[in-house]
Protein backbone atom coordinates (compact mmCIF):
# COMPACT_ATOMS: atom_id res chain seq x y z
CA UNK A 1 -1.99 16.21 5.24
CA UNK A 2 -4.73 13.67 5.48
CA UNK A 3 -7.39 12.21 3.27
CA UNK A 4 -9.43 9.12 2.73
CA UNK A 5 -7.29 6.03 2.82
CA UNK A 6 -7.94 2.38 3.56
CA UNK A 7 -5.21 -0.02 4.38
CA UNK A 8 -4.90 -3.43 2.79
CA UNK A 9 -7.02 -6.15 4.41
CA UNK A 10 -5.75 -8.63 6.94
CA UNK A 11 -2.59 -10.44 5.94
CA UNK A 12 -1.71 -14.06 6.41
CA UNK A 13 -1.14 -15.06 10.03
CA UNK A 14 2.32 -16.36 10.89
CA UNK A 15 2.46 -18.84 13.72
CA UNK A 16 5.29 -21.14 14.65
CA UNK A 17 4.88 -24.35 16.69
CA UNK A 18 5.01 -23.96 20.43
CA UNK A 19 4.30 -20.95 22.58
CA UNK A 20 5.47 -18.81 25.45
CA UNK A 21 3.50 -19.20 28.69
CA UNK A 22 3.01 -15.98 30.60
CA UNK A 23 1.55 -15.02 33.93
CA UNK A 24 -2.22 -15.00 33.78
CA UNK A 25 -2.47 -18.35 31.98
CA UNK A 26 -2.47 -19.30 28.34
CA UNK A 27 0.27 -19.21 25.77
CA UNK A 28 1.45 -15.83 24.57
CA UNK A 29 2.67 -14.88 21.14
CA UNK A 30 4.25 -11.82 19.56
CA UNK A 31 2.25 -9.55 17.30
CA UNK A 32 4.58 -7.96 14.76
CA UNK A 33 4.14 -4.28 13.88
CA UNK A 34 7.31 -3.78 11.92
CA UNK A 35 11.08 -3.95 11.73
CA UNK A 36 13.54 -1.14 12.39
CA UNK A 37 17.31 -0.86 12.56
CA UNK A 38 18.56 -1.72 16.03
CA UNK A 39 20.24 1.68 16.62
CA UNK A 40 17.01 3.42 15.53
CA UNK A 41 14.96 1.45 18.06
CA UNK A 42 16.52 3.62 20.75
CA UNK A 43 14.78 6.63 19.19
CA UNK A 44 11.36 5.30 20.16
CA UNK A 45 10.00 7.25 23.15
CA UNK A 46 9.82 5.43 26.45
CA UNK A 47 6.16 6.35 26.77
CA UNK A 48 5.33 4.47 23.59
CA UNK A 49 7.00 1.26 24.62
CA UNK A 50 5.74 1.23 28.21
CA UNK A 51 2.15 2.45 27.78
CA UNK A 52 1.53 0.09 24.85
CA UNK A 53 3.55 -2.85 26.23
CA UNK A 54 5.78 -2.77 23.17
CA UNK A 55 8.76 -5.11 23.16
CA UNK A 56 11.89 -5.35 21.03
CA UNK A 57 13.33 -8.54 19.60
CA UNK A 58 16.88 -7.95 18.36
CA UNK A 59 18.82 -9.93 15.78
CA UNK A 60 22.15 -8.26 15.01
CA UNK A 61 21.37 -4.75 13.68
CA UNK A 62 17.67 -5.47 13.06
CA UNK A 63 14.95 -5.09 15.64
CA UNK A 64 11.36 -6.35 15.50
CA UNK A 65 8.75 -4.19 17.24
CA UNK A 66 6.19 -6.54 18.79
CA UNK A 67 3.43 -6.73 21.36
CA UNK A 68 2.60 -9.73 23.51
CA UNK A 69 -0.83 -11.20 22.66
CA UNK A 70 -2.78 -14.34 23.65
CA UNK A 71 -2.17 -16.97 20.99
CA UNK A 72 -5.69 -18.29 21.49
CA UNK A 73 -7.03 -15.09 19.92
CA UNK A 74 -5.02 -15.70 16.74
CA UNK A 75 -5.82 -19.29 15.95
CA UNK A 76 -7.32 -19.97 12.53
CA UNK A 77 -10.73 -20.59 14.08
CA UNK A 78 -10.63 -17.47 16.26
CA UNK A 79 -9.58 -15.24 13.40
CA UNK A 80 -12.16 -16.77 11.07
CA UNK A 81 -14.88 -15.77 13.51
CA UNK A 82 -13.48 -12.30 14.19
CA UNK A 83 -12.98 -11.45 10.53
CA UNK A 84 -16.71 -11.75 10.04
CA UNK A 85 -17.14 -8.93 12.53
CA UNK A 86 -16.65 -5.81 10.42
CA UNK A 87 -16.50 -3.48 13.42
CA UNK A 88 -13.73 -5.56 15.01
CA UNK A 89 -11.74 -5.71 11.77
CA UNK A 90 -11.94 -1.96 11.24
CA UNK A 91 -10.95 -1.24 14.84
CA UNK A 92 -8.07 -3.73 14.79
CA UNK A 93 -6.67 -2.53 11.46
CA UNK A 94 -6.89 1.11 12.54
CA UNK A 95 -5.07 0.29 15.79
CA UNK A 96 -2.36 -1.55 13.83
CA UNK A 97 -1.93 1.36 11.43
CA UNK A 98 -1.85 3.89 14.26
CA UNK A 99 1.00 2.03 15.96
CA UNK A 100 2.98 1.74 12.71
CA UNK A 101 2.52 5.46 12.08
CA UNK A 102 3.73 6.29 15.59
CA UNK A 103 6.87 4.25 15.01
CA UNK A 104 7.30 5.83 11.57
CA UNK A 105 7.39 9.32 13.11
CA UNK A 106 10.58 8.44 14.99
CA UNK A 107 12.49 6.13 12.65
CA UNK A 108 12.36 4.18 9.40
CA UNK A 109 10.15 1.11 9.75
CA UNK A 110 9.32 -1.81 7.49
CA UNK A 111 5.62 -2.20 8.29
CA UNK A 112 4.15 -5.62 8.81
CA UNK A 113 0.73 -6.48 7.48
CA UNK A 114 -2.06 -6.71 9.98
CA UNK A 115 -2.33 -10.04 11.78
CA UNK A 116 1.28 -11.34 11.77
CA UNK A 117 1.85 -13.29 15.00
CA UNK A 118 4.81 -15.40 16.10
CA UNK A 119 4.60 -17.96 18.85
CA UNK A 120 8.26 -17.75 19.93
CA UNK A 121 10.87 -15.02 20.00
CA UNK A 122 13.42 -17.53 18.72
CA UNK A 123 11.47 -18.04 15.49
CA UNK A 124 11.23 -14.31 14.83
CA UNK A 125 14.90 -13.71 15.63
CA UNK A 126 15.91 -16.55 13.31
CA UNK A 127 13.77 -15.13 10.51
CA UNK A 128 15.33 -11.69 11.00
CA UNK A 129 18.78 -13.19 10.80
CA UNK A 130 17.92 -15.19 7.67
CA UNK A 131 16.48 -12.14 5.86
CA UNK A 132 19.03 -9.76 7.36
CA UNK A 133 20.59 -8.32 4.19
CA UNK A 134 17.31 -7.91 2.31
CA UNK A 135 15.59 -6.21 5.23
CA UNK A 136 18.55 -3.92 5.94
CA UNK A 137 18.65 -2.85 2.28
CA UNK A 138 14.92 -2.15 2.35
CA UNK A 139 15.35 0.02 5.45
CA UNK A 140 18.03 1.99 3.66
CA UNK A 141 15.71 2.65 0.70
CA UNK A 142 12.88 4.04 2.82
CA UNK A 143 14.91 5.91 5.44
CA UNK A 144 13.89 9.56 5.52
CA UNK A 145 11.04 8.99 3.07
CA UNK A 146 7.25 8.81 3.23
CA UNK A 147 4.61 7.23 1.08
CA UNK A 148 2.09 9.40 -0.77
CA UNK A 149 -0.99 7.88 -2.39
CA UNK A 150 -2.30 9.56 -5.53
CA UNK A 151 -5.62 9.03 -7.32
CA UNK A 152 -6.30 10.53 -10.75
CA UNK A 153 -9.82 10.59 -12.18
CA UNK A 154 -11.65 11.88 -15.24
CA UNK A 155 -15.22 12.30 -16.39
CA UNK A 156 -16.50 9.19 -18.11
CA UNK A 157 -17.87 11.21 -21.04
CA UNK A 158 -14.48 12.82 -21.70
CA UNK A 159 -12.77 9.44 -21.86
CA UNK A 160 -15.50 7.98 -24.05
CA UNK A 161 -15.30 10.93 -26.46
CA UNK A 162 -11.56 10.46 -26.96
CA UNK A 163 -12.05 6.71 -27.45
CA UNK A 164 -14.88 7.34 -29.89
CA UNK A 165 -12.76 9.65 -32.01
CA UNK A 166 -9.98 7.06 -32.11
CA UNK A 167 -12.39 4.38 -33.28
CA UNK A 168 -13.88 6.82 -35.80
CA UNK A 169 -10.47 7.36 -37.37
CA UNK A 170 -10.17 3.61 -37.83
CA UNK A 171 -13.47 3.59 -39.67
CA UNK A 172 -12.53 6.50 -41.93
CA UNK A 173 -9.23 4.82 -42.77
CA UNK A 174 -11.01 1.65 -43.90
CA UNK A 175 -10.96 0.86 -47.61
CA UNK A 176 -14.06 1.61 -49.73
CA UNK A 177 -16.68 -1.09 -49.46
CA UNK A 178 -15.64 -1.97 -45.94
CA UNK A 179 -17.66 0.70 -44.08
CA UNK A 180 -20.19 -1.84 -42.77
CA UNK A 181 -17.50 -4.07 -41.32
CA UNK A 182 -15.71 -1.04 -39.92
CA UNK A 183 -18.93 0.00 -38.18
CA UNK A 184 -19.37 -3.44 -36.65
CA UNK A 185 -15.74 -3.41 -35.57
CA UNK A 186 -16.28 -0.01 -34.01
CA UNK A 187 -19.15 -1.35 -31.97
CA UNK A 188 -17.14 -4.35 -30.84
CA UNK A 189 -14.06 -2.29 -30.00
CA UNK A 190 -15.76 0.57 -28.18
CA UNK A 191 -15.07 -0.91 -24.74
CA UNK A 192 -11.51 -1.86 -25.70
CA UNK A 193 -10.90 1.67 -26.95
CA UNK A 194 -11.96 3.13 -23.60
CA UNK A 195 -9.57 0.75 -21.81
CA UNK A 196 -6.72 1.77 -24.12
CA UNK A 197 -7.35 5.46 -23.50
CA UNK A 198 -7.40 4.92 -19.73
CA UNK A 199 -4.17 2.91 -19.88
CA UNK A 200 -2.46 5.57 -22.00
CA UNK A 201 -3.48 8.37 -19.64
CA UNK A 202 -2.46 6.25 -16.65
CA UNK A 203 1.00 5.78 -18.11
CA UNK A 204 1.33 9.46 -18.96
CA UNK A 205 0.16 10.51 -15.48
CA UNK A 206 2.52 8.13 -13.71
CA UNK A 207 5.53 9.13 -15.81
CA UNK A 208 4.81 12.82 -15.26
CA UNK A 209 4.57 12.51 -11.47
CA UNK A 210 7.37 9.98 -10.88
CA UNK A 211 10.34 12.39 -11.36
CA UNK A 212 9.25 14.20 -8.19
CA UNK A 213 9.65 11.00 -6.14
CA UNK A 214 12.36 8.47 -5.31
CA UNK A 215 10.18 5.61 -6.45
CA UNK A 216 6.64 4.61 -7.28
CA UNK A 217 4.31 1.73 -8.00
CA UNK A 218 0.98 1.48 -9.77
CA UNK A 219 -1.88 -0.07 -7.82
CA UNK A 220 -5.10 -1.74 -8.99
CA UNK A 221 -7.78 0.79 -9.85
CA UNK A 222 -10.82 0.97 -7.61
CA UNK A 223 -14.42 0.74 -8.68
CA UNK A 224 -15.79 4.11 -9.91
CA UNK A 225 -17.64 6.17 -7.33
CA UNK A 226 -20.32 6.88 -9.89
CA UNK A 227 -21.00 6.36 -13.58
CA UNK A 228 -20.01 9.94 -14.22
CA UNK A 229 -16.35 9.42 -13.46
CA UNK A 230 -13.67 6.81 -13.97
CA UNK A 231 -10.47 6.24 -12.02
CA UNK A 232 -7.50 6.68 -14.32
CA UNK A 233 -4.64 5.97 -11.94
CA UNK A 234 -4.05 4.85 -8.39
CA UNK A 235 -0.39 4.88 -7.41
CA UNK A 236 1.94 5.11 -4.44
CA UNK A 237 5.07 7.27 -4.50
CA UNK A 238 8.08 7.25 -2.18
CA UNK A 239 8.99 10.87 -1.44
CA UNK A 240 12.01 12.15 0.46
CA UNK A 241 11.13 14.37 3.39
CA UNK A 242 11.76 17.97 2.43
CA UNK A 243 10.91 17.28 -1.24
CA UNK A 244 7.14 17.24 -0.74
CA UNK A 245 6.56 20.63 -2.36
CA UNK A 246 8.33 19.63 -5.57
CA UNK A 247 6.43 16.35 -5.65
CA UNK A 248 3.05 18.01 -5.17
CA UNK A 249 3.95 20.63 -7.76
CA UNK A 250 4.59 17.90 -10.35
CA UNK A 251 1.20 16.46 -9.48
CA UNK A 252 -0.63 19.77 -9.79
CA UNK A 253 1.16 20.83 -12.98
CA UNK A 254 0.29 17.70 -14.94
CA UNK A 255 -2.52 18.14 -17.46
CA UNK A 256 -3.91 16.32 -20.48
CA UNK A 257 -5.06 18.27 -23.54
CA UNK A 258 -8.07 16.12 -24.45
CA UNK A 259 -9.15 14.87 -21.02
CA UNK A 260 -9.40 17.19 -18.00
CA UNK A 261 -8.16 15.36 -14.92
CA UNK A 262 -8.75 15.71 -11.19
CA UNK A 263 -6.50 14.28 -8.52
CA UNK A 264 -6.40 13.58 -4.80
CA UNK A 265 -3.42 12.69 -2.64
CA UNK A 266 -2.96 11.29 0.83
CA UNK A 267 0.23 11.62 2.82
CA UNK A 268 2.67 11.47 4.39
CA UNK A 269 2.23 7.80 5.33
CA UNK A 270 4.43 4.89 6.39
CA UNK A 271 5.82 3.16 3.28
CA UNK A 272 3.43 0.21 3.18
CA UNK A 273 3.56 -0.11 -0.61
CA UNK A 274 7.37 -0.21 -0.70
CA UNK A 275 8.33 -2.09 2.43
CA UNK A 276 5.54 -4.37 3.57
CA UNK A 277 6.92 -7.55 5.05
CA UNK A 278 5.39 -10.25 2.88
CA UNK A 279 4.05 -13.41 4.46
CA UNK A 280 5.90 -15.57 1.97
CA UNK A 281 9.38 -14.14 2.45
CA UNK A 282 9.28 -12.35 5.74
CA UNK A 283 9.47 -13.11 9.41
């Protein structure tokens, strides 16, 4: 199942001192796509590794899936120029995601963010060894599972009506002689009331959908597509393969009495939201 989905923007570049000279001139580095368990690396088809020049860097029972790239193309200056080229960025991110998805079809993978490059295999192997236990645990959590992205939206007028009624009750509950101040408070709190309603529905939506998954995380809401609708919830869920029908059923069955909701989902996807290798703590 597919749908509209945009990956996170370019991540921080990782480069260690020194480089690896290769035939053809210039230092070569290693572009990191993700990390898999060493036994699982053998499940990758030969055609994938040979046609795409994919290499494996092994550290105990962890294996980094990398591709040799010219380091000159990943300097700060080079990337700064390229990132201003929207067409290049879109093409590069799509190519990165496509490779991660191909790996994900064959084995559990901890995806790397776009743009992670190491200058030396020794640096990457050392980092794998240092983070060994954490990375191996993360692989165990995502093994046999996919990510599903869910967006829940509502009409702006429906949300505003619920918020307005809530503020109206506050005014009616005010003591005699305080109607004027209650009215002014209602005007000041109108926007806050809308935010509270959205947050309450977001929490209810998330809690209703989560039991159908093995995990989940809320994500920042996006800007509304139009003034007529508002995004209530954007979340990622980790779903075990074979349990998709139950998960989607929990999504479709959820309703709110006062605010009709619509939802969209995208999946299955590699577990970016649950296993991305962070620049601060990762290889």
